[in-house]
Amino acid sequence: APLRQKIVAAIQTGVVPDMFTNNPGEIIALYAWDDKLADVTDVVETQKSQYSETALHTAYCYNRVTKKRSFYGAPYTLAARPNHIWRTISSRECRKSCAPRANARTMASAFS
């Protein structure tokens, strides 16, 4: 939250950094929507084949002023965010006693 507060304060005062991280994940979409970010499609296009599909989707946002989608971020890192599953949910005892609750394998297949 502190980084987001700094970004919000900077944009509200007009003293903005040239670049900032997409933290939290929706910040690019929010500011692209309000036409507060530069379209960096020309930068992304030169390296597009090097990016993952997920990274490209994250940076490709709709701008309600221009009424079109463009790249408003240049991906520079990729991370995996694991989903933690409590041991009791995936244990055999719980699978037997917690039906119809989904077991870990069922939950994992829902995301693949």
C-alpha atoms as a PDB file:
ATOM      1  CA  ALA A   1       0.000   0.000   0.000  1.00  0.00           C
ATOM      2  CA  PRO A   2       2.778   2.548   0.673  1.00  0.00           C
ATOM      3  CA  LEU A   3       4.054   2.370  -2.921  1.00  0.00           C
ATOM      4  CA  ARG A   4       0.559   2.799  -4.309  1.00  0.00           C
ATOM      5  CA  GLN A   5       0.010   5.803  -2.030  1.00  0.00           C
ATOM      6  CA  LYS A   6       3.200   7.389  -3.377  1.00  0.00           C
ATOM      7  CA  ILE A   7       2.117   6.786  -6.968  1.00  0.00           C
ATOM      8  CA  VAL A   8      -1.367   8.201  -6.333  1.00  0.00           C
ATOM      9  CA  ALA A   9       0.080  11.261  -4.560  1.00  0.00           C
ATOM     10  CA  ALA A  10       2.544  11.866  -7.396  1.00  0.00           C
ATOM     11  CA  ILE A  11      -0.157  11.692 -10.059  1.00  0.00           C
ATOM     12  CA  GLN A  12      -2.497  13.951  -8.085  1.00  0.00           C
ATOM     13  CA  THR A  13       0.193  16.603  -7.624  1.00  0.00           C
ATOM     14  CA  GLY A  14       1.460  16.385 -11.186  1.00  0.00           C
ATOM     15  CA  VAL A  15       5.005  15.556 -10.092  1.00  0.00           C
ATOM     16  CA  VAL A  16       5.164  12.104 -11.609  1.00  0.00           C
ATOM     17  CA  PRO A  17       8.049   9.708 -12.107  1.00  0.00           C
ATOM     18  CA  ASP A  18       9.027   8.673 -15.628  1.00  0.00           C
ATOM     19  CA  MET A  19       8.430   5.035 -14.666  1.00  0.00           C
ATOM     20  CA  PHE A  20       6.926   3.061 -11.802  1.00  0.00           C
ATOM     21  CA  THR A  21       6.183  -0.573 -11.078  1.00  0.00           C
ATOM     22  CA  ASN A  22       2.747  -2.037 -11.680  1.00  0.00           C
ATOM     23  CA  ASN A  23       2.006  -2.465  -7.996  1.00  0.00           C
ATOM     24  CA  PRO A  24      -0.750  -3.326  -7.253  1.00  0.00           C
ATOM     25  CA  GLY A  25      -1.449  -5.209 -10.450  1.00  0.00           C
ATOM     26  CA  GLU A  26      -4.448  -3.148 -11.523  1.00  0.00           C
ATOM     27  CA  ILE A  27      -2.769   0.257 -11.350  1.00  0.00           C
ATOM     28  CA  ILE A  28      -1.807   0.326 -15.051  1.00  0.00           C
ATOM     29  CA  ALA A  29      -5.381  -0.453 -16.080  1.00  0.00           C
ATOM     30  CA  LEU A  30      -6.799   2.252 -13.785  1.00  0.00           C
ATOM     31  CA  TYR A  31      -4.498   5.004 -15.018  1.00  0.00           C
ATOM     32  CA  ALA A  32      -4.670   3.919 -18.667  1.00  0.00           C
ATOM     33  CA  TRP A  33      -8.466   4.135 -18.393  1.00  0.00           C
ATOM     34  CA  ASP A  34      -8.153   7.749 -17.232  1.00  0.00           C
ATOM     35  CA  ASP A  35      -5.597   8.631 -19.970  1.00  0.00           C
ATOM     36  CA  LYS A  36      -2.858   9.337 -17.415  1.00  0.00           C
ATOM     37  CA  LEU A  37      -0.198   7.051 -18.917  1.00  0.00           C
ATOM     38  CA  ALA A  38       1.840   7.240 -22.103  1.00  0.00           C
ATOM     39  CA  ASP A  39       1.136   4.762 -24.867  1.00  0.00           C
ATOM     40  CA  VAL A  40       4.337   2.687 -25.146  1.00  0.00           C
ATOM     41  CA  THR A  41       3.211   0.407 -27.962  1.00  0.00           C
ATOM     42  CA  ASP A  42       6.236   1.396 -30.040  1.00  0.00           C
ATOM     43  CA  VAL A  43       8.553   0.148 -27.267  1.00  0.00           C
ATOM     44  CA  VAL A  44       6.649  -3.095 -26.664  1.00  0.00           C
ATOM     45  CA  GLU A  45       6.350  -3.938 -30.378  1.00  0.00           C
ATOM     46  CA  THR A  46      10.147  -4.079 -30.791  1.00  0.00           C
ATOM     47  CA  GLN A  47      10.349  -6.841 -28.157  1.00  0.00           C
ATOM     48  CA  LYS A  48       6.893  -8.408 -28.344  1.00  0.00           C
ATOM     49  CA  SER A  49       8.158 -11.884 -29.274  1.00  0.00           C
ATOM     50  CA  GLN A  50      10.216 -11.959 -26.053  1.00  0.00           C
ATOM     51  CA  TYR A  51       7.233 -11.406 -23.728  1.00  0.00           C
ATOM     52  CA  SER A  52       4.861 -14.001 -22.353  1.00  0.00           C
ATOM     53  CA  GLU A  53       1.205 -13.795 -23.326  1.00  0.00           C
ATOM     54  CA  THR A  54       0.302 -12.990 -19.714  1.00  0.00           C
ATOM     55  CA  ALA A  55       2.759 -10.090 -19.546  1.00  0.00           C
ATOM     56  CA  LEU A  56       1.335  -8.645 -22.753  1.00  0.00           C
ATOM     57  CA  HIS A  57      -2.266  -8.959 -21.515  1.00  0.00           C
ATOM     58  CA  THR A  58      -1.353  -7.161 -18.289  1.00  0.00           C
ATOM     59  CA  ALA A  59       0.061  -4.147 -20.100  1.00  0.00           C
ATOM     60  CA  TYR A  60      -2.569  -3.974 -22.877  1.00  0.00           C
ATOM     61  CA  CYS A  61      -5.285  -1.707 -21.482  1.00  0.00           C
ATOM     62  CA  TYR A  62      -8.292   0.291 -22.611  1.00  0.00           C
ATOM     63  CA  ASN A  63      -8.225   4.092 -22.621  1.00  0.00           C
ATOM     64  CA  ARG A  64     -11.686   5.611 -22.386  1.00  0.00           C
ATOM     65  CA  VAL A  65     -10.505   8.961 -23.806  1.00  0.00           C
ATOM     66  CA  THR A  66      -8.927   7.562 -26.979  1.00  0.00           C
ATOM     67  CA  LYS A  67     -11.480   4.718 -26.997  1.00  0.00           C
ATOM     68  CA  LYS A  68      -8.892   2.094 -27.884  1.00  0.00           C
ATOM     69  CA  ARG A  69      -6.574  -0.470 -26.330  1.00  0.00           C
ATOM     70  CA  SER A  70      -2.825   0.052 -26.319  1.00  0.00           C
ATOM     71  CA  PHE A  71       0.218  -0.920 -24.333  1.00  0.00           C
ATOM     72  CA  TYR A  72       0.591   1.319 -21.287  1.00  0.00           C
ATOM     73  CA  GLY A  73       3.369  -0.644 -19.677  1.00  0.00           C
ATOM     74  CA  ALA A  74       6.528  -2.373 -20.822  1.00  0.00           C
ATOM     75  CA  PRO A  75       6.880  -5.697 -19.008  1.00  0.00           C
ATOM     76  CA  TYR A  76      10.324  -6.177 -17.487  1.00  0.00           C
ATOM     77  CA  THR A  77       9.807  -9.005 -15.022  1.00  0.00           C
ATOM     78  CA  LEU A  78       7.594 -12.023 -14.588  1.00  0.00           C
ATOM     79  CA  ALA A  79       6.594 -13.673 -11.339  1.00  0.00           C
ATOM     80  CA  ALA A  80       4.609 -16.656 -10.191  1.00  0.00           C
ATOM     81  CA  ARG A  81       2.234 -16.132  -7.316  1.00  0.00           C
ATOM     82  CA  PRO A  82       1.418 -19.412  -5.648  1.00  0.00           C
ATOM     83  CA  ASN A  83      -1.926 -20.294  -4.148  1.00  0.00           C
ATOM     84  CA  HIS A  84      -1.450 -21.851  -0.740  1.00  0.00           C
ATOM     85  CA  ILE A  85      -3.732 -24.743   0.133  1.00  0.00           C
ATOM     86  CA  TRP A  86      -4.252 -25.747   3.744  1.00  0.00           C
ATOM     87  CA  ARG A  87      -3.103 -29.278   4.514  1.00  0.00           C
ATOM     88  CA  THR A  88      -6.558 -30.260   5.827  1.00  0.00           C
ATOM     89  CA  ILE A  89      -8.186 -29.448   2.509  1.00  0.00           C
ATOM     90  CA  SER A  90      -5.860 -31.724   0.576  1.00  0.00           C
ATOM     91  CA  SER A  91      -5.599 -34.519   3.123  1.00  0.00           C
ATOM     92  CA  ARG A  92      -7.288 -37.888   2.582  1.00  0.00           C
ATOM     93  CA  GLU A  93      -9.374 -37.472   5.714  1.00  0.00           C
ATOM     94  CA  CYS A  94     -10.792 -34.218   4.463  1.00  0.00           C
ATOM     95  CA  ARG A  95     -11.442 -35.594   0.989  1.00  0.00           C
ATOM     96  CA  LYS A  96     -13.561 -38.287   2.566  1.00  0.00           C
ATOM     97  CA  SER A  97     -15.294 -36.134   5.162  1.00  0.00           C
ATOM     98  CA  CYS A  98     -15.466 -32.847   3.256  1.00  0.00           C
ATOM     99  CA  ALA A  99     -17.281 -34.061   0.140  1.00  0.00           C
ATOM    100  CA  PRO A 100     -18.746 -32.191  -1.765  1.00  0.00           C
ATOM    101  CA  ARG A 101     -15.906 -29.722  -1.069  1.00  0.00           C
ATOM    102  CA  ALA A 102     -13.302 -29.865  -3.849  1.00  0.00           C
ATOM    103  CA  ASN A 103      -9.962 -31.462  -3.125  1.00  0.00           C
ATOM    104  CA  ALA A 104      -6.622 -29.904  -4.066  1.00  0.00           C
ATOM    105  CA  ARG A 105      -6.383 -31.754  -7.390  1.00  0.00           C
ATOM    106  CA  THR A 106      -9.847 -30.552  -8.425  1.00  0.00           C
ATOM    107  CA  MET A 107      -9.009 -26.985  -7.425  1.00  0.00           C
ATOM    108  CA  ALA A 108      -5.708 -27.095  -9.317  1.00  0.00           C
ATOM    109  CA  SER A 109      -7.370 -28.394 -12.474  1.00  0.00           C
ATOM    110  CA  ALA A 110      -9.823 -25.501 -12.352  1.00  0.00           C
ATOM    111  CA  PHE A 111      -6.911 -23.099 -12.849  1.00  0.00           C
ATOM    112  CA  SER A 112      -5.155 -24.976 -15.651  1.00  0.00           C
END
